[in-house]
Amino acid sequence: EGNFLLVTQNIDNLHERAGSRNVLHMHGELLKMRCLNSQMVFDIRE
């Protein structure tokens, strides 16, 4: 019933797949890529 924050050093998506919602990936995410020019972040699977 209180405030909960999950910080992970892992770059996998297992917390989200388990159902966690308030997750911060401090080391980034393996299933995302970033443009070197715009710094925009995109989901990636392939």
ModelCIF file with pLDDT and N, C-alpha, C, O atoms, coordinates in Angstrom:
data_MODEL
#
_entry.id   MODEL 
#
_entity.id                         1 
_entity.type                       polymer 
_entity.pdbx_number_of_molecules   1 
#
_entity_poly.entity_id                      1 
_entity_poly.type                           'polypeptide(L)' 
_entity_poly.nstd_linkage                   no 
_entity_poly.nstd_monomer                   no 
_entity_poly.pdbx_seq_one_letter_code       EGNFLLVTQNIDNLHERAGSRNVLHMHGELLKMRCLNSQMVFDIRE 
_entity_poly.pdbx_seq_one_letter_code_can   EGNFLLVTQNIDNLHERAGSRNVLHMHGELLKMRCLNSQMVFDIRE 
_entity_poly.pdbx_strand_id                 A 
#
loop_
_entity_poly_seq.entity_id 
_entity_poly_seq.num 
_entity_poly_seq.mon_id 
_entity_poly_seq.hetero 
1 1  GLU n 
1 2  GLY n 
1 3  ASN n 
1 4  PHE n 
1 5  LEU n 
1 6  LEU n 
1 7  VAL n 
1 8  THR n 
1 9  GLN n 
1 10 ASN n 
1 11 ILE n 
1 12 ASP n 
1 13 ASN n 
1 14 LEU n 
1 15 HIS n 
1 16 GLU n 
1 17 ARG n 
1 18 ALA n 
1 19 GLY n 
1 20 SER n 
1 21 ARG n 
1 22 ASN n 
1 23 VAL n 
1 24 LEU n 
1 25 HIS n 
1 26 MET n 
1 27 HIS n 
1 28 GLY n 
1 29 GLU n 
1 30 LEU n 
1 31 LEU n 
1 32 LYS n 
1 33 MET n 
1 34 ARG n 
1 35 CYS n 
1 36 LEU n 
1 37 ASN n 
1 38 SER n 
1 39 GLN n 
1 40 MET n 
1 41 VAL n 
1 42 PHE n 
1 43 ASP n 
1 44 ILE n 
1 45 ARG n 
1 46 GLU n 
#
_struct_asym.id          A 
_struct_asym.entity_id   1 
#
loop_
_ma_qa_metric.id 
_ma_qa_metric.mode 
_ma_qa_metric.name 
_ma_qa_metric.software_group_id 
_ma_qa_metric.type 
1 global pLDDT . pLDDT 
2 local  pLDDT . pLDDT 
#
_ma_qa_metric_global.metric_id      1 
_ma_qa_metric_global.metric_value   96.09 
_ma_qa_metric_global.model_id       1 
_ma_qa_metric_global.ordinal_id     1 
#
loop_
_ma_qa_metric_local.label_asym_id 
_ma_qa_metric_local.label_comp_id 
_ma_qa_metric_local.label_seq_id 
_ma_qa_metric_local.metric_id 
_ma_qa_metric_local.metric_value 
_ma_qa_metric_local.model_id 
_ma_qa_metric_local.ordinal_id 
A GLU 1  2 94.00 1 1  
A GLY 2  2 95.00 1 2  
A ASN 3  2 97.00 1 3  
A PHE 4  2 98.00 1 4  
A LEU 5  2 98.00 1 5  
A LEU 6  2 98.00 1 6  
A VAL 7  2 98.00 1 7  
A THR 8  2 97.00 1 8  
A GLN 9  2 95.00 1 9  
A ASN 10 2 96.00 1 10 
A ILE 11 2 96.00 1 11 
A ASP 12 2 97.00 1 12 
A ASN 13 2 97.00 1 13 
A LEU 14 2 98.00 1 14 
A HIS 15 2 98.00 1 15 
A GLU 16 2 98.00 1 16 
A ARG 17 2 98.00 1 17 
A ALA 18 2 98.00 1 18 
A GLY 19 2 98.00 1 19 
A SER 20 2 98.00 1 20 
A ARG 21 2 97.00 1 21 
A ASN 22 2 97.00 1 22 
A VAL 23 2 98.00 1 23 
A LEU 24 2 98.00 1 24 
A HIS 25 2 98.00 1 25 
A MET 26 2 97.00 1 26 
A HIS 27 2 96.00 1 27 
A GLY 28 2 98.00 1 28 
A GLU 29 2 98.00 1 29 
A LEU 30 2 96.00 1 30 
A LEU 31 2 97.00 1 31 
A LYS 32 2 97.00 1 32 
A MET 33 2 95.00 1 33 
A ARG 34 2 95.00 1 34 
A CYS 35 2 94.00 1 35 
A LEU 36 2 92.00 1 36 
A ASN 37 2 91.00 1 37 
A SER 38 2 93.00 1 38 
A GLN 39 2 94.00 1 39 
A MET 40 2 95.00 1 40 
A VAL 41 2 96.00 1 41 
A PHE 42 2 93.00 1 42 
A ASP 43 2 95.00 1 43 
A ILE 44 2 93.00 1 44 
A ARG 45 2 93.00 1 45 
A GLU 46 2 92.00 1 46 
#
loop_
_atom_site.group_PDB 
_atom_site.id 
_atom_site.type_symbol 
_atom_site.label_atom_id 
_atom_site.label_alt_id 
_atom_site.label_comp_id 
_atom_site.label_asym_id 
_atom_site.label_entity_id 
_atom_site.label_seq_id 
_atom_site.pdbx_PDB_ins_code 
_atom_site.Cartn_x 
_atom_site.Cartn_y 
_atom_site.Cartn_z 
_atom_site.occupancy 
_atom_site.B_iso_or_equiv 
_atom_site.pdbx_formal_charge 
_atom_site.auth_seq_id 
_atom_site.auth_comp_id 
_atom_site.auth_asym_id 
_atom_site.auth_atom_id 
_atom_site.pdbx_PDB_model_num 
ATOM 1   N N  . GLU A 1 1  ? 0.807  -1.220  0.000   1.00 94.00 ? 1  GLU A N  1 
ATOM 2   C CA . GLU A 1 1  ? 0.000  0.000   0.000   1.00 94.00 ? 1  GLU A CA 1 
ATOM 3   C C  . GLU A 1 1  ? 0.842  1.274   0.000   1.00 94.00 ? 1  GLU A C  1 
ATOM 4   O O  . GLU A 1 1  ? 0.306  2.371   -0.158  1.00 94.00 ? 1  GLU A O  1 
ATOM 5   N N  . GLY A 1 2  ? 2.136  1.138   0.174   1.00 95.00 ? 2  GLY A N  1 
ATOM 6   C CA . GLY A 1 2  ? 3.002  2.312   0.197   1.00 95.00 ? 2  GLY A CA 1 
ATOM 7   C C  . GLY A 1 2  ? 3.681  2.553   -1.130  1.00 95.00 ? 2  GLY A C  1 
ATOM 8   O O  . GLY A 1 2  ? 3.243  2.055   -2.167  1.00 95.00 ? 2  GLY A O  1 
ATOM 9   N N  . ASN A 1 3  ? 4.757  3.324   -1.090  1.00 97.00 ? 3  ASN A N  1 
ATOM 10  C CA . ASN A 1 3  ? 5.553  3.629   -2.284  1.00 97.00 ? 3  ASN A CA 1 
ATOM 11  C C  . ASN A 1 3  ? 6.620  2.560   -2.481  1.00 97.00 ? 3  ASN A C  1 
ATOM 12  O O  . ASN A 1 3  ? 7.317  2.178   -1.541  1.00 97.00 ? 3  ASN A O  1 
ATOM 13  N N  . PHE A 1 4  ? 6.734  2.088   -3.701  1.00 98.00 ? 4  PHE A N  1 
ATOM 14  C CA . PHE A 1 4  ? 7.682  1.016   -4.010  1.00 98.00 ? 4  PHE A CA 1 
ATOM 15  C C  . PHE A 1 4  ? 8.430  1.366   -5.285  1.00 98.00 ? 4  PHE A C  1 
ATOM 16  O O  . PHE A 1 4  ? 7.817  1.692   -6.302  1.00 98.00 ? 4  PHE A O  1 
ATOM 17  N N  . LEU A 1 5  ? 9.754  1.298   -5.230  1.00 98.00 ? 5  LEU A N  1 
ATOM 18  C CA . LEU A 1 5  ? 10.589 1.516   -6.413  1.00 98.00 ? 5  LEU A CA 1 
ATOM 19  C C  . LEU A 1 5  ? 11.545 0.346   -6.561  1.00 98.00 ? 5  LEU A C  1 
ATOM 20  O O  . LEU A 1 5  ? 12.231 -0.035  -5.612  1.00 98.00 ? 5  LEU A O  1 
ATOM 21  N N  . LEU A 1 6  ? 11.582 -0.217  -7.753  1.00 98.00 ? 6  LEU A N  1 
ATOM 22  C CA . LEU A 1 6  ? 12.489 -1.315  -8.075  1.00 98.00 ? 6  LEU A CA 1 
ATOM 23  C C  . LEU A 1 6  ? 13.557 -0.792  -9.020  1.00 98.00 ? 6  LEU A C  1 
ATOM 24  O O  . LEU A 1 6  ? 13.266 -0.428  -10.159 1.00 98.00 ? 6  LEU A O  1 
ATOM 25  N N  . VAL A 1 7  ? 14.790 -0.755  -8.543  1.00 98.00 ? 7  VAL A N  1 
ATOM 26  C CA . VAL A 1 7  ? 15.938 -0.345  -9.342  1.00 98.00 ? 7  VAL A CA 1 
ATOM 27  C C  . VAL A 1 7  ? 16.712 -1.608  -9.706  1.00 98.00 ? 7  VAL A C  1 
ATOM 28  O O  . VAL A 1 7  ? 17.029 -2.414  -8.831  1.00 98.00 ? 7  VAL A O  1 
ATOM 29  N N  . THR A 1 8  ? 17.015 -1.783  -10.977 1.00 97.00 ? 8  THR A N  1 
ATOM 30  C CA . THR A 1 8  ? 17.754 -2.981  -11.365 1.00 97.00 ? 8  THR A CA 1 
ATOM 31  C C  . THR A 1 8  ? 19.015 -2.617  -12.130 1.00 97.00 ? 8  THR A C  1 
ATOM 32  O O  . THR A 1 8  ? 19.027 -1.693  -12.943 1.00 97.00 ? 8  THR A O  1 
ATOM 33  N N  . GLN A 1 9  ? 20.065 -3.359  -11.855 1.00 95.00 ? 9  GLN A N  1 
ATOM 34  C CA . GLN A 1 9  ? 21.298 -3.257  -12.625 1.00 95.00 ? 9  GLN A CA 1 
ATOM 35  C C  . GLN A 1 9  ? 21.245 -4.133  -13.871 1.00 95.00 ? 9  GLN A C  1 
ATOM 36  O O  . GLN A 1 9  ? 22.125 -4.054  -14.727 1.00 95.00 ? 9  GLN A O  1 
ATOM 37  N N  . ASN A 1 10 ? 20.221 -4.960  -13.970 1.00 96.00 ? 10 ASN A N  1 
ATOM 38  C CA . ASN A 1 10 ? 20.118 -5.907  -15.079 1.00 96.00 ? 10 ASN A CA 1 
ATOM 39  C C  . ASN A 1 10 ? 19.525 -5.253  -16.314 1.00 96.00 ? 10 ASN A C  1 
ATOM 40  O O  . ASN A 1 10 ? 18.676 -4.368  -16.208 1.00 96.00 ? 10 ASN A O  1 
ATOM 41  N N  . ILE A 1 11 ? 19.969 -5.683  -17.476 1.00 96.00 ? 11 ILE A N  1 
ATOM 42  C CA . ILE A 1 11 ? 19.483 -5.109  -18.724 1.00 96.00 ? 11 ILE A CA 1 
ATOM 43  C C  . ILE A 1 11 ? 18.444 -6.006  -19.391 1.00 96.00 ? 11 ILE A C  1 
ATOM 44  O O  . ILE A 1 11 ? 17.992 -5.698  -20.494 1.00 96.00 ? 11 ILE A O  1 
ATOM 45  N N  . ASP A 1 12 ? 18.057 -7.103  -18.751 1.00 97.00 ? 12 ASP A N  1 
ATOM 46  C CA . ASP A 1 12 ? 16.999 -7.952  -19.282 1.00 97.00 ? 12 ASP A CA 1 
ATOM 47  C C  . ASP A 1 12 ? 15.636 -7.384  -18.910 1.00 97.00 ? 12 ASP A C  1 
ATOM 48  O O  . ASP A 1 12 ? 15.543 -6.379  -18.205 1.00 97.00 ? 12 ASP A O  1 
ATOM 49  N N  . ASN A 1 13 ? 14.574 -8.040  -19.395 1.00 97.00 ? 13 ASN A N  1 
ATOM 50  C CA . ASN A 1 13 ? 13.205 -7.558  -19.144 1.00 97.00 ? 13 ASN A CA 1 
ATOM 51  C C  . ASN A 1 13 ? 12.413 -8.491  -18.234 1.00 97.00 ? 13 ASN A C  1 
ATOM 52  O O  . ASN A 1 13 ? 11.184 -8.515  -18.297 1.00 97.00 ? 13 ASN A O  1 
ATOM 53  N N  . LEU A 1 14 ? 13.099 -9.258  -17.390 1.00 98.00 ? 14 LEU A N  1 
ATOM 54  C CA . LEU A 1 14 ? 12.419 -10.272 -16.587 1.00 98.00 ? 14 LEU A CA 1 
ATOM 55  C C  . LEU A 1 14 ? 11.533 -9.656  -15.510 1.00 98.00 ? 14 LEU A C  1 
ATOM 56  O O  . LEU A 1 14 ? 10.492 -10.226 -15.184 1.00 98.00 ? 14 LEU A O  1 
ATOM 57  N N  . HIS A 1 15 ? 11.909 -8.526  -14.957 1.00 98.00 ? 15 HIS A N  1 
ATOM 58  C CA . HIS A 1 15 ? 11.036 -7.878  -13.962 1.00 98.00 ? 15 HIS A CA 1 
ATOM 59  C C  . HIS A 1 15 ? 9.713  -7.463  -14.598 1.00 98.00 ? 15 HIS A C  1 
ATOM 60  O O  . HIS A 1 15 ? 8.646  -7.688  -14.027 1.00 98.00 ? 15 HIS A O  1 
ATOM 61  N N  . GLU A 1 16 ? 9.788  -6.859  -15.780 1.00 98.00 ? 16 GLU A N  1 
ATOM 62  C CA . GLU A 1 16 ? 8.569  -6.436  -16.462 1.00 98.00 ? 16 GLU A CA 1 
ATOM 63  C C  . GLU A 1 16 ? 7.723  -7.638  -16.860 1.00 98.00 ? 16 GLU A C  1 
ATOM 64  O O  . GLU A 1 16 ? 6.499  -7.599  -16.741 1.00 98.00 ? 16 GLU A O  1 
ATOM 65  N N  . ARG A 1 17 ? 8.352  -8.687  -17.325 1.00 98.00 ? 17 ARG A N  1 
ATOM 66  C CA . ARG A 1 17 ? 7.594  -9.889  -17.717 1.00 98.00 ? 17 ARG A CA 1 
ATOM 67  C C  . ARG A 1 17 ? 6.914  -10.537 -16.512 1.00 98.00 ? 17 ARG A C  1 
ATOM 68  O O  . ARG A 1 17 ? 5.871  -11.175 -16.648 1.00 98.00 ? 17 ARG A O  1 
ATOM 69  N N  . ALA A 1 18 ? 7.512  -10.369 -15.333 1.00 98.00 ? 18 ALA A N  1 
ATOM 70  C CA . ALA A 1 18 ? 6.906  -10.925 -14.123 1.00 98.00 ? 18 ALA A CA 1 
ATOM 71  C C  . ALA A 1 18 ? 5.734  -10.088 -13.638 1.00 98.00 ? 18 ALA A C  1 
ATOM 72  O O  . ALA A 1 18 ? 4.932  -10.553 -12.828 1.00 98.00 ? 18 ALA A O  1 
ATOM 73  N N  . GLY A 1 19 ? 5.627  -8.847  -14.130 1.00 98.00 ? 19 GLY A N  1 
ATOM 74  C CA . GLY A 1 19 ? 4.516  -7.991  -13.740 1.00 98.00 ? 19 GLY A CA 1 
ATOM 75  C C  . GLY A 1 19 ? 4.902  -6.743  -12.979 1.00 98.00 ? 19 GLY A C  1 
ATOM 76  O O  . GLY A 1 19 ? 4.021  -5.976  -12.591 1.00 98.00 ? 19 GLY A O  1 
ATOM 77  N N  . SER A 1 20 ? 6.188  -6.508  -12.750 1.00 98.00 ? 20 SER A N  1 
ATOM 78  C CA . SER A 1 20 ? 6.621  -5.287  -12.069 1.00 98.00 ? 20 SER A CA 1 
ATOM 79  C C  . SER A 1 20 ? 6.362  -4.085  -12.968 1.00 98.00 ? 20 SER A C  1 
ATOM 80  O O  . SER A 1 20 ? 6.541  -4.149  -14.184 1.00 98.00 ? 20 SER A O  1 
ATOM 81  N N  . ARG A 1 21 ? 5.935  -2.983  -12.344 1.00 97.00 ? 21 ARG A N  1 
ATOM 82  C CA . ARG A 1 21 ? 5.581  -1.800  -13.119 1.00 97.00 ? 21 ARG A CA 1 
ATOM 83  C C  . ARG A 1 21 ? 6.511  -0.620  -12.867 1.00 97.00 ? 21 ARG A C  1 
ATOM 84  O O  . ARG A 1 21 ? 6.900  0.075   -13.806 1.00 97.00 ? 21 ARG A O  1 
ATOM 85  N N  . ASN A 1 22 ? 6.870  -0.388  -11.606 1.00 97.00 ? 22 ASN A N  1 
ATOM 86  C CA . ASN A 1 22 ? 7.693  0.776   -11.266 1.00 97.00 ? 22 ASN A CA 1 
ATOM 87  C C  . ASN A 1 22 ? 9.161  0.354   -11.228 1.00 97.00 ? 22 ASN A C  1 
ATOM 88  O O  . ASN A 1 22 ? 9.744  0.167   -10.160 1.00 97.00 ? 22 ASN A O  1 
ATOM 89  N N  . VAL A 1 23 ? 9.744  0.208   -12.424 1.00 98.00 ? 23 VAL A N  1 
ATOM 90  C CA . VAL A 1 23 ? 11.099 -0.322  -12.577 1.00 98.00 ? 23 VAL A CA 1 
ATOM 91  C C  . VAL A 1 23 ? 11.983 0.731   -13.242 1.00 98.00 ? 23 VAL A C  1 
ATOM 92  O O  . VAL A 1 23 ? 11.592 1.338   -14.239 1.00 98.00 ? 23 VAL A O  1 
ATOM 93  N N  . LEU A 1 24 ? 13.171 0.943   -12.688 1.00 98.00 ? 24 LEU A N  1 
ATOM 94  C CA . LEU A 1 24 ? 14.180 1.796   -13.308 1.00 98.00 ? 24 LEU A CA 1 
ATOM 95  C C  . LEU A 1 24 ? 15.391 0.938   -13.656 1.00 98.00 ? 24 LEU A C  1 
ATOM 96  O O  . LEU A 1 24 ? 15.967 0.286   -12.785 1.00 98.00 ? 24 LEU A O  1 
ATOM 97  N N  . HIS A 1 25 ? 15.775 0.939   -14.930 1.00 98.00 ? 25 HIS A N  1 
ATOM 98  C CA . HIS A 1 25 ? 16.956 0.202   -15.388 1.00 98.00 ? 25 HIS A CA 1 
ATOM 99  C C  . HIS A 1 25 ? 18.150 1.156   -15.376 1.00 98.00 ? 25 HIS A C  1 
ATOM 100 O O  . HIS A 1 25 ? 18.353 1.914   -16.325 1.00 98.00 ? 25 HIS A O  1 
ATOM 101 N N  . MET A 1 26 ? 18.931 1.116   -14.313 1.00 97.00 ? 26 MET A N  1 
ATOM 102 C CA . MET A 1 26 ? 20.027 2.067   -14.187 1.00 97.00 ? 26 MET A CA 1 
ATOM 103 C C  . MET A 1 26 ? 21.154 1.785   -15.178 1.00 97.00 ? 26 MET A C  1 
ATOM 104 O O  . MET A 1 26 ? 21.940 2.682   -15.483 1.00 97.00 ? 26 MET A O  1 
ATOM 105 N N  . HIS A 1 27 ? 21.246 0.560   -15.683 1.00 96.00 ? 27 HIS A N  1 
ATOM 106 C CA . HIS A 1 27 ? 22.282 0.216   -16.662 1.00 96.00 ? 27 HIS A CA 1 
ATOM 107 C C  . HIS A 1 27 ? 21.724 0.041   -18.067 1.00 96.00 ? 27 HIS A C  1 
ATOM 108 O O  . HIS A 1 27 ? 22.401 -0.493  -18.945 1.00 96.00 ? 27 HIS A O  1 
ATOM 109 N N  . GLY A 1 28 ? 20.494 0.489   -18.280 1.00 98.00 ? 28 GLY A N  1 
ATOM 110 C CA . GLY A 1 28 ? 19.920 0.415   -19.614 1.00 98.00 ? 28 GLY A CA 1 
ATOM 111 C C  . GLY A 1 28 ? 19.138 -0.862  -19.844 1.00 98.00 ? 28 GLY A C  1 
ATOM 112 O O  . GLY A 1 28 ? 18.910 -1.651  -18.927 1.00 98.00 ? 28 GLY A O  1 
ATOM 113 N N  . GLU A 1 29 ? 18.728 -1.045  -21.101 1.00 98.00 ? 29 GLU A N  1 
ATOM 114 C CA . GLU A 1 29 ? 17.874 -2.171  -21.460 1.00 98.00 ? 29 GLU A CA 1 
ATOM 115 C C  . GLU A 1 29 ? 18.351 -2.827  -22.758 1.00 98.00 ? 29 GLU A C  1 
ATOM 116 O O  . GLU A 1 29 ? 18.611 -2.153  -23.755 1.00 98.00 ? 29 GLU A O  1 
ATOM 117 N N  . LEU A 1 30 ? 18.455 -4.121  -22.720 1.00 96.00 ? 30 LEU A N  1 
ATOM 118 C CA . LEU A 1 30 ? 18.950 -4.879  -23.860 1.00 96.00 ? 30 LEU A CA 1 
ATOM 119 C C  . LEU A 1 30 ? 18.006 -4.796  -25.058 1.00 96.00 ? 30 LEU A C  1 
ATOM 120 O O  . LEU A 1 30 ? 18.452 -4.888  -26.202 1.00 96.00 ? 30 LEU A O  1 
ATOM 121 N N  . LEU A 1 31 ? 16.722 -4.625  -24.812 1.00 97.00 ? 31 LEU A N  1 
ATOM 122 C CA . LEU A 1 31 ? 15.731 -4.607  -25.883 1.00 97.00 ? 31 LEU A CA 1 
ATOM 123 C C  . LEU A 1 31 ? 15.428 -3.191  -26.358 1.00 97.00 ? 31 LEU A C  1 
ATOM 124 O O  . LEU A 1 31 ? 14.332 -2.909  -26.843 1.00 97.00 ? 31 LEU A O  1 
ATOM 125 N N  . LYS A 1 32 ? 16.403 -2.308  -26.213 1.00 97.00 ? 32 LYS A N  1 
ATOM 126 C CA . LYS A 1 32 ? 16.288 -0.945  -26.720 1.00 97.00 ? 32 LYS A CA 1 
ATOM 127 C C  . LYS A 1 32 ? 17.593 -0.540  -27.401 1.00 97.00 ? 32 LYS A C  1 
ATOM 128 O O  . LYS A 1 32 ? 18.676 -0.986  -27.023 1.00 97.00 ? 32 LYS A O  1 
ATOM 129 N N  . MET A 1 33 ? 17.461 0.310   -28.407 1.00 95.00 ? 33 MET A N  1 
ATOM 130 C CA . MET A 1 33 ? 18.620 0.903   -29.072 1.00 95.00 ? 33 MET A CA 1 
ATOM 131 C C  . MET A 1 33 ? 18.484 2.422   -29.015 1.00 95.00 ? 33 MET A C  1 
ATOM 132 O O  . MET A 1 33 ? 17.388 2.949   -28.818 1.00 95.00 ? 33 MET A O  1 
ATOM 133 N N  . ARG A 1 34 ? 19.610 3.124   -29.189 1.00 95.00 ? 34 ARG A N  1 
ATOM 134 C CA . ARG A 1 34 ? 19.596 4.578   -29.089 1.00 95.00 ? 34 ARG A CA 1 
ATOM 135 C C  . ARG A 1 34 ? 20.327 5.192   -30.277 1.00 95.00 ? 34 ARG A C  1 
ATOM 136 O O  . ARG A 1 34 ? 21.393 4.724   -30.677 1.00 95.00 ? 34 ARG A O  1 
ATOM 137 N N  . CYS A 1 35 ? 19.730 6.260   -30.839 1.00 94.00 ? 35 CYS A N  1 
ATOM 138 C CA . CYS A 1 35 ? 20.356 6.976   -31.951 1.00 94.00 ? 35 CYS A CA 1 
ATOM 139 C C  . CYS A 1 35 ? 21.488 7.849   -31.417 1.00 94.00 ? 35 CYS A C  1 
ATOM 140 O O  . CYS A 1 35 ? 21.299 8.584   -30.447 1.00 94.00 ? 35 CYS A O  1 
ATOM 141 N N  . LEU A 1 36 ? 22.642 7.775   -32.031 1.00 92.00 ? 36 LEU A N  1 
ATOM 142 C CA . LEU A 1 36 ? 23.789 8.556   -31.587 1.00 92.00 ? 36 LEU A CA 1 
ATOM 143 C C  . LEU A 1 36 ? 23.613 10.041  -31.875 1.00 92.00 ? 36 LEU A C  1 
ATOM 144 O O  . LEU A 1 36 ? 24.234 10.874  -31.214 1.00 92.00 ? 36 LEU A O  1 
ATOM 145 N N  . ASN A 1 37 ? 22.780 10.385  -32.846 1.00 91.00 ? 37 ASN A N  1 
ATOM 146 C CA . ASN A 1 37 ? 22.566 11.793  -33.195 1.00 91.00 ? 37 ASN A CA 1 
ATOM 147 C C  . ASN A 1 37 ? 21.500 12.452  -32.330 1.00 91.00 ? 37 ASN A C  1 
ATOM 148 O O  . ASN A 1 37 ? 21.750 13.477  -31.697 1.00 91.00 ? 37 ASN A O  1 
ATOM 149 N N  . SER A 1 38 ? 20.305 11.854  -32.308 1.00 93.00 ? 38 SER A N  1 
ATOM 150 C CA . SER A 1 38 ? 19.169 12.473  -31.612 1.00 93.00 ? 38 SER A CA 1 
ATOM 151 C C  . SER A 1 38 ? 19.014 12.009  -30.169 1.00 93.00 ? 38 SER A C  1 
ATOM 152 O O  . SER A 1 38 ? 18.313 12.652  -29.387 1.00 93.00 ? 38 SER A O  1 
ATOM 153 N N  . GLN A 1 39 ? 19.662 10.892  -29.802 1.00 94.00 ? 39 GLN A N  1 
ATOM 154 C CA . GLN A 1 39 ? 19.511 10.249  -28.490 1.00 94.00 ? 39 GLN A CA 1 
ATOM 155 C C  . GLN A 1 39 ? 18.117 9.665   -28.284 1.00 94.00 ? 39 GLN A C  1 
ATOM 156 O O  . GLN A 1 39 ? 17.760 9.302   -27.164 1.00 94.00 ? 39 GLN A O  1 
ATOM 157 N N  . MET A 1 40 ? 17.338 9.573   -29.340 1.00 95.00 ? 40 MET A N  1 
ATOM 158 C CA . MET A 1 40 ? 16.035 8.907   -29.253 1.00 95.00 ? 40 MET A CA 1 
ATOM 159 C C  . MET A 1 40 ? 16.236 7.419   -29.017 1.00 95.00 ? 40 MET A C  1 
ATOM 160 O O  . MET A 1 40 ? 17.179 6.819   -29.532 1.00 95.00 ? 40 MET A O  1 
ATOM 161 N N  . VAL A 1 41 ? 15.335 6.828   -28.230 1.00 96.00 ? 41 VAL A N  1 
ATOM 162 C CA . VAL A 1 41 ? 15.441 5.414   -27.854 1.00 96.00 ? 41 VAL A CA 1 
ATOM 163 C C  . VAL A 1 41 ? 14.322 4.632   -28.525 1.00 96.00 ? 41 VAL A C  1 
ATOM 164 O O  . VAL A 1 41 ? 13.174 5.077   -28.551 1.00 96.00 ? 41 VAL A O  1 
ATOM 165 N N  . PHE A 1 42 ? 14.659 3.463   -29.069 1.00 93.00 ? 42 PHE A N  1 
ATOM 166 C CA . PHE A 1 42 ? 13.709 2.644   -29.808 1.00 93.00 ? 42 PHE A CA 1 
ATOM 167 C C  . PHE A 1 42 ? 13.693 1.225   -29.263 1.00 93.00 ? 42 PHE A C  1 
ATOM 168 O O  . PHE A 1 42 ? 14.731 0.697   -28.865 1.00 93.00 ? 42 PHE A O  1 
ATOM 169 N N  . ASP A 1 43 ? 12.523 0.609   -29.245 1.00 95.00 ? 43 ASP A N  1 
ATOM 170 C CA . ASP A 1 43 ? 12.424 -0.812  -28.931 1.00 95.00 ? 43 ASP A CA 1 
ATOM 171 C C  . ASP A 1 43 ? 13.033 -1.618  -30.064 1.00 95.00 ? 43 ASP A C  1 
ATOM 172 O O  . ASP A 1 43 ? 12.936 -1.240  -31.231 1.00 95.00 ? 43 ASP A O  1 
ATOM 173 N N  . ILE A 1 44 ? 13.659 -2.724  -29.711 1.00 93.00 ? 44 ILE A N  1 
ATOM 174 C CA . ILE A 1 44 ? 14.295 -3.572  -30.719 1.00 93.00 ? 44 ILE A CA 1 
ATOM 175 C C  . ILE A 1 44 ? 14.147 -5.032  -30.328 1.00 93.00 ? 44 ILE A C  1 
ATOM 176 O O  . ILE A 1 44 ? 14.323 -5.385  -29.161 1.00 93.00 ? 44 ILE A O  1 
ATOM 177 N N  . ARG A 1 45 ? 13.830 -5.871  -31.281 1.00 93.00 ? 45 ARG A N  1 
ATOM 178 C CA . ARG A 1 45 ? 13.732 -7.315  -31.049 1.00 93.00 ? 45 ARG A CA 1 
ATOM 179 C C  . ARG A 1 45 ? 14.625 -8.103  -32.003 1.00 93.00 ? 45 ARG A C  1 
ATOM 180 O O  . ARG A 1 45 ? 15.075 -9.203  -31.681 1.00 93.00 ? 45 ARG A O  1 
ATOM 181 N N  . GLU A 1 46 ? 14.875 -7.536  -33.167 1.00 92.00 ? 46 GLU A N  1 
ATOM 182 C CA . GLU A 1 46 ? 15.648 -8.254  -34.179 1.00 92.00 ? 46 GLU A CA 1 
ATOM 183 C C  . GLU A 1 46 ? 17.139 -7.948  -34.040 1.00 92.00 ? 46 GLU A C  1 
ATOM 184 O O  . GLU A 1 46 ? 17.949 -8.465  -34.809 1.00 92.00 ? 46 GLU A O  1 
#
